[in-house]
Amino acid sequence: MATRVLVTLSGESDPEEVVRALRALGPSTVHAPAPELPDVAVAEVDDDAVESFVRDAQSVDGVSVAEVDALRYTQSEPQSQSQSESEPADRGPGDSTAPSAGWSSTS
């Protein structure tokens, strides 16, 4: 599995040189800064090499910050089918599949 690492470039850096230096550190891929985020490169690093990559990337000239993409881990995953089937649905008292509340509508 790979972990995304966000690498913020300092204002005076040459993005091409920084990307070359990051690629030399051995990540799976390095995406150069995009127009919508001109100061951020994204590297995908094998899980077992993340700590050393972050440490080494922070020492590259032109890098101000290198950190694991925390947003990727805070997004919730869609519910699996088995979870949604096991949770009770909102059903009214007239629904024959509604859970019993200990009362009868005929009393």
N, C-alpha and C. Protein backbone atom coordinates (compact mmCIF):
# COMPACT_ATOMS: atom_id res chain seq x y z
N MET A 1 0.84 -1.17 0.00
CA MET A 1 0.00 0.00 0.00
C MET A 1 0.89 1.24 0.00
N ALA A 2 0.39 2.32 -0.56
CA ALA A 2 1.16 3.57 -0.62
C ALA A 2 0.47 4.66 0.18
N THR A 3 1.28 5.54 0.71
CA THR A 3 0.80 6.68 1.48
C THR A 3 1.15 7.95 0.72
N ARG A 4 0.21 8.88 0.67
CA ARG A 4 0.47 10.16 0.01
C ARG A 4 1.20 11.09 0.96
N VAL A 5 2.22 11.73 0.43
CA VAL A 5 2.98 12.72 1.19
C VAL A 5 2.90 14.04 0.43
N LEU A 6 2.47 15.09 1.11
CA LEU A 6 2.40 16.42 0.51
C LEU A 6 3.71 17.14 0.79
N VAL A 7 4.30 17.69 -0.25
CA VAL A 7 5.58 18.38 -0.12
C VAL A 7 5.36 19.82 -0.56
N THR A 8 5.49 20.75 0.38
CA THR A 8 5.31 22.17 0.08
C THR A 8 6.66 22.77 -0.26
N LEU A 9 6.71 23.42 -1.41
CA LEU A 9 7.94 24.03 -1.88
C LEU A 9 8.05 25.45 -1.34
N SER A 10 9.27 25.86 -1.07
CA SER A 10 9.49 27.25 -0.64
C SER A 10 9.37 28.16 -1.86
N GLY A 11 9.08 29.41 -1.62
CA GLY A 11 8.82 30.36 -2.70
C GLY A 11 9.94 30.52 -3.71
N GLU A 12 11.18 30.39 -3.29
CA GLU A 12 12.30 30.63 -4.19
C GLU A 12 12.82 29.36 -4.87
N SER A 13 12.15 28.24 -4.69
CA SER A 13 12.64 26.97 -5.24
C SER A 13 12.27 26.79 -6.71
N ASP A 14 13.04 25.95 -7.39
CA ASP A 14 12.75 25.56 -8.77
C ASP A 14 11.98 24.24 -8.69
N PRO A 15 10.69 24.24 -9.03
CA PRO A 15 9.87 23.02 -8.87
C PRO A 15 10.45 21.81 -9.60
N GLU A 16 11.01 21.99 -10.77
CA GLU A 16 11.57 20.86 -11.51
C GLU A 16 12.74 20.23 -10.76
N GLU A 17 13.60 21.05 -10.19
CA GLU A 17 14.73 20.52 -9.42
C GLU A 17 14.26 19.80 -8.16
N VAL A 18 13.28 20.37 -7.50
CA VAL A 18 12.75 19.74 -6.29
C VAL A 18 12.12 18.39 -6.63
N VAL A 19 11.33 18.33 -7.68
CA VAL A 19 10.70 17.07 -8.08
C VAL A 19 11.75 16.03 -8.42
N ARG A 20 12.81 16.42 -9.13
CA ARG A 20 13.90 15.48 -9.45
C ARG A 20 14.54 14.95 -8.16
N ALA A 21 14.79 15.84 -7.21
CA ALA A 21 15.40 15.44 -5.94
C ALA A 21 14.47 14.50 -5.16
N LEU A 22 13.17 14.78 -5.19
CA LEU A 22 12.21 13.91 -4.50
C LEU A 22 12.16 12.53 -5.15
N ARG A 23 12.17 12.49 -6.48
CA ARG A 23 12.15 11.20 -7.18
C ARG A 23 13.38 10.37 -6.85
N ALA A 24 14.51 11.02 -6.62
CA ALA A 24 15.74 10.31 -6.27
C ALA A 24 15.65 9.64 -4.90
N LEU A 25 14.70 10.07 -4.08
CA LEU A 25 14.52 9.47 -2.75
C LEU A 25 13.77 8.14 -2.81
N GLY A 26 13.23 7.78 -3.98
CA GLY A 26 12.64 6.46 -4.18
C GLY A 26 11.15 6.27 -3.95
N PRO A 27 10.33 7.31 -4.01
CA PRO A 27 8.89 7.06 -3.85
C PRO A 27 8.33 6.35 -5.09
N SER A 28 7.13 5.80 -4.98
CA SER A 28 6.48 5.15 -6.11
C SER A 28 6.28 6.15 -7.25
N THR A 29 5.73 7.31 -6.91
CA THR A 29 5.51 8.38 -7.89
C THR A 29 5.67 9.73 -7.21
N VAL A 30 5.97 10.74 -8.02
CA VAL A 30 5.96 12.12 -7.55
C VAL A 30 5.23 12.93 -8.61
N HIS A 31 4.19 13.62 -8.19
CA HIS A 31 3.43 14.48 -9.09
C HIS A 31 3.91 15.91 -8.87
N ALA A 32 4.33 16.54 -9.94
CA ALA A 32 4.79 17.92 -9.87
C ALA A 32 3.63 18.83 -9.46
N PRO A 33 3.95 20.01 -8.94
CA PRO A 33 2.88 20.94 -8.57
C PRO A 33 1.95 21.22 -9.75
N ALA A 34 0.66 21.27 -9.47
CA ALA A 34 -0.36 21.56 -10.48
C ALA A 34 -0.69 23.05 -10.44
N PRO A 35 -1.25 23.58 -11.51
CA PRO A 35 -1.60 25.02 -11.52
C PRO A 35 -2.48 25.45 -10.35
N GLU A 36 -3.39 24.57 -9.92
CA GLU A 36 -4.28 24.96 -8.81
C GLU A 36 -3.58 24.92 -7.46
N LEU A 37 -2.46 24.20 -7.35
CA LEU A 37 -1.63 24.18 -6.14
C LEU A 37 -0.17 24.28 -6.58
N PRO A 38 0.27 25.47 -6.97
CA PRO A 38 1.59 25.62 -7.58
C PRO A 38 2.77 25.38 -6.65
N ASP A 39 2.55 25.30 -5.36
CA ASP A 39 3.65 25.12 -4.41
C ASP A 39 3.63 23.76 -3.71
N VAL A 40 2.83 22.81 -4.23
CA VAL A 40 2.70 21.51 -3.56
C VAL A 40 2.93 20.37 -4.55
N ALA A 41 3.91 19.52 -4.24
CA ALA A 41 4.13 18.29 -4.99
C ALA A 41 3.54 17.16 -4.15
N VAL A 42 3.11 16.10 -4.81
CA VAL A 42 2.51 14.97 -4.11
C VAL A 42 3.31 13.72 -4.46
N ALA A 43 3.80 13.05 -3.42
CA ALA A 43 4.54 11.80 -3.61
C ALA A 43 3.73 10.65 -3.04
N GLU A 44 3.81 9.52 -3.69
CA GLU A 44 3.19 8.30 -3.17
C GLU A 44 4.33 7.39 -2.76
N VAL A 45 4.35 7.04 -1.48
CA VAL A 45 5.47 6.33 -0.87
C VAL A 45 4.99 5.03 -0.25
N ASP A 46 5.76 3.97 -0.41
CA ASP A 46 5.41 2.70 0.23
C ASP A 46 5.29 2.94 1.73
N ASP A 47 4.30 2.31 2.34
CA ASP A 47 4.01 2.53 3.76
C ASP A 47 5.22 2.34 4.66
N ASP A 48 6.06 1.37 4.36
CA ASP A 48 7.20 1.10 5.23
C ASP A 48 8.34 2.11 5.08
N ALA A 49 8.24 3.01 4.09
CA ALA A 49 9.30 4.00 3.86
C ALA A 49 8.86 5.43 4.11
N VAL A 50 7.65 5.62 4.63
CA VAL A 50 7.09 6.96 4.79
C VAL A 50 7.93 7.83 5.73
N GLU A 51 8.25 7.32 6.90
CA GLU A 51 8.99 8.14 7.87
C GLU A 51 10.32 8.61 7.31
N SER A 52 11.07 7.72 6.69
CA SER A 52 12.38 8.12 6.14
C SER A 52 12.21 9.07 4.96
N PHE A 53 11.16 8.85 4.12
CA PHE A 53 10.95 9.76 3.00
C PHE A 53 10.63 11.16 3.49
N VAL A 54 9.75 11.28 4.48
CA VAL A 54 9.38 12.59 5.02
C VAL A 54 10.61 13.29 5.58
N ARG A 55 11.40 12.57 6.34
CA ARG A 55 12.62 13.15 6.93
C ARG A 55 13.59 13.60 5.83
N ASP A 56 13.81 12.74 4.83
CA ASP A 56 14.75 13.08 3.75
C ASP A 56 14.21 14.19 2.86
N ALA A 57 12.90 14.19 2.62
CA ALA A 57 12.31 15.24 1.77
C ALA A 57 12.44 16.61 2.41
N GLN A 58 12.34 16.66 3.74
CA GLN A 58 12.45 17.95 4.43
C GLN A 58 13.86 18.52 4.34
N SER A 59 14.83 17.68 4.03
CA SER A 59 16.20 18.17 3.91
C SER A 59 16.56 18.57 2.47
N VAL A 60 15.64 18.39 1.54
CA VAL A 60 15.88 18.78 0.14
C VAL A 60 15.81 20.30 0.02
N ASP A 61 16.79 20.88 -0.67
CA ASP A 61 16.76 22.33 -0.91
C ASP A 61 15.49 22.69 -1.68
N GLY A 62 14.78 23.69 -1.21
CA GLY A 62 13.56 24.14 -1.86
C GLY A 62 12.29 23.56 -1.26
N VAL A 63 12.43 22.68 -0.26
CA VAL A 63 11.26 22.11 0.41
C VAL A 63 11.09 22.80 1.75
N SER A 64 9.89 23.31 2.00
CA SER A 64 9.65 23.93 3.30
C SER A 64 8.97 22.95 4.26
N VAL A 65 8.07 22.09 3.76
CA VAL A 65 7.37 21.13 4.60
C VAL A 65 7.11 19.85 3.81
N ALA A 66 7.26 18.70 4.48
CA ALA A 66 6.85 17.40 3.91
C ALA A 66 6.07 16.69 5.00
N GLU A 67 4.84 16.28 4.67
CA GLU A 67 3.99 15.65 5.67
C GLU A 67 3.01 14.69 5.03
N VAL A 68 2.60 13.70 5.78
CA VAL A 68 1.61 12.73 5.32
C VAL A 68 0.30 13.47 5.07
N ASP A 69 -0.40 13.12 4.01
CA ASP A 69 -1.67 13.73 3.66
C ASP A 69 -2.73 13.27 4.67
N ALA A 70 -2.94 14.05 5.71
CA ALA A 70 -3.88 13.70 6.78
C ALA A 70 -5.32 13.68 6.29
N LEU A 71 -5.66 14.50 5.34
CA LEU A 71 -7.04 14.55 4.85
C LEU A 71 -7.45 13.22 4.26
N ARG A 72 -6.55 12.54 3.62
CA ARG A 72 -6.87 11.25 3.02
C ARG A 72 -7.32 10.24 4.09
N TYR A 73 -6.83 10.38 5.31
CA TYR A 73 -7.17 9.43 6.36
C TYR A 73 -8.36 9.87 7.20
N THR A 74 -8.82 11.10 7.04
CA THR A 74 -9.96 11.55 7.83
C THR A 74 -11.26 11.45 7.06
N GLN A 75 -11.20 11.20 5.77
CA GLN A 75 -12.42 11.05 5.00
C GLN A 75 -13.05 9.72 5.34
N SER A 76 -14.37 9.71 5.50
CA SER A 76 -15.02 8.46 5.86
C SER A 76 -15.22 7.61 4.62
N GLU A 77 -15.11 6.33 4.82
CA GLU A 77 -15.34 5.37 3.75
C GLU A 77 -16.84 5.16 3.60
N PRO A 78 -17.29 4.87 2.37
CA PRO A 78 -18.72 4.57 2.21
C PRO A 78 -19.07 3.32 3.01
N GLN A 79 -20.30 3.28 3.52
CA GLN A 79 -20.74 2.13 4.30
C GLN A 79 -20.77 0.90 3.42
N SER A 80 -20.30 -0.20 3.95
CA SER A 80 -20.37 -1.44 3.18
C SER A 80 -21.80 -1.95 3.21
N GLN A 81 -22.13 -2.81 2.28
CA GLN A 81 -23.48 -3.35 2.19
C GLN A 81 -23.85 -4.10 3.46
N SER A 82 -22.91 -4.85 4.04
CA SER A 82 -23.24 -5.64 5.22
C SER A 82 -23.53 -4.75 6.43
N GLN A 83 -22.88 -3.61 6.54
CA GLN A 83 -23.15 -2.70 7.65
C GLN A 83 -24.54 -2.11 7.53
N SER A 84 -24.91 -1.67 6.33
CA SER A 84 -26.20 -1.00 6.17
C SER A 84 -27.35 -1.98 6.34
N GLU A 85 -27.13 -3.27 6.04
CA GLU A 85 -28.18 -4.25 6.22
C GLU A 85 -28.40 -4.57 7.70
N SER A 86 -27.35 -4.47 8.50
CA SER A 86 -27.48 -4.85 9.90
C SER A 86 -28.05 -3.72 10.76
N GLU A 87 -28.07 -2.50 10.25
CA GLU A 87 -28.60 -1.38 11.02
C GLU A 87 -30.09 -1.27 10.79
N PRO A 88 -30.90 -1.02 11.84
CA PRO A 88 -32.34 -0.91 11.65
C PRO A 88 -32.68 0.35 10.86
N ALA A 89 -33.67 0.23 10.03
CA ALA A 89 -34.13 1.37 9.24
C ALA A 89 -35.27 2.04 9.99
N ASP A 90 -35.55 3.29 9.65
CA ASP A 90 -36.70 3.99 10.24
C ASP A 90 -37.96 3.42 9.62
N ARG A 91 -38.79 2.86 10.43
CA ARG A 91 -40.05 2.30 9.94
C ARG A 91 -41.16 2.75 10.87
N GLY A 92 -42.29 2.94 10.33
CA GLY A 92 -43.44 3.39 11.11
C GLY A 92 -44.12 2.25 11.82
N PRO A 93 -45.05 2.56 12.76
CA PRO A 93 -45.74 1.52 13.53
C PRO A 93 -46.60 0.63 12.66
N GLY A 94 -47.05 1.09 11.50
CA GLY A 94 -47.88 0.27 10.62
C GLY A 94 -47.06 -0.70 9.78
N ASP A 95 -45.78 -0.58 9.77
CA ASP A 95 -44.90 -1.44 8.99
C ASP A 95 -44.71 -2.75 9.74
N SER A 96 -45.02 -3.86 9.09
CA SER A 96 -44.94 -5.16 9.77
C SER A 96 -43.50 -5.54 10.09
N THR A 97 -42.55 -4.89 9.49
CA THR A 97 -41.15 -5.22 9.77
C THR A 97 -40.56 -4.31 10.82
N ALA A 98 -41.38 -3.41 11.39
CA ALA A 98 -40.88 -2.50 12.41
C ALA A 98 -40.56 -3.28 13.67
N PRO A 99 -39.50 -2.89 14.36
CA PRO A 99 -39.16 -3.60 15.60
C PRO A 99 -40.28 -3.45 16.63
N SER A 100 -40.45 -4.45 17.43
CA SER A 100 -41.50 -4.43 18.44
C SER A 100 -41.13 -3.46 19.55
N ALA A 101 -42.06 -2.61 19.91
CA ALA A 101 -41.82 -1.66 20.99
C ALA A 101 -42.56 -2.09 22.25
N GLY A 102 -43.15 -3.28 22.25
CA GLY A 102 -43.85 -3.76 23.44
C GLY A 102 -45.28 -3.23 23.53
N TRP A 103 -45.86 -2.72 22.47
CA TRP A 103 -47.23 -2.25 22.50
C TRP A 103 -47.96 -2.75 21.27
N SER A 104 -49.23 -2.72 21.30
CA SER A 104 -50.04 -3.20 20.18
C SER A 104 -50.96 -2.09 19.73
N SER A 105 -51.21 -2.04 18.44
CA SER A 105 -52.11 -1.01 17.91
C SER A 105 -53.57 -1.41 18.10
N THR A 106 -53.84 -2.62 18.57
CA THR A 106 -55.22 -3.09 18.76
C THR A 106 -55.71 -2.90 20.18
N SER A 107 -54.89 -2.38 21.11
CA SER A 107 -55.32 -2.24 22.49
C SER A 107 -56.27 -1.10 22.66
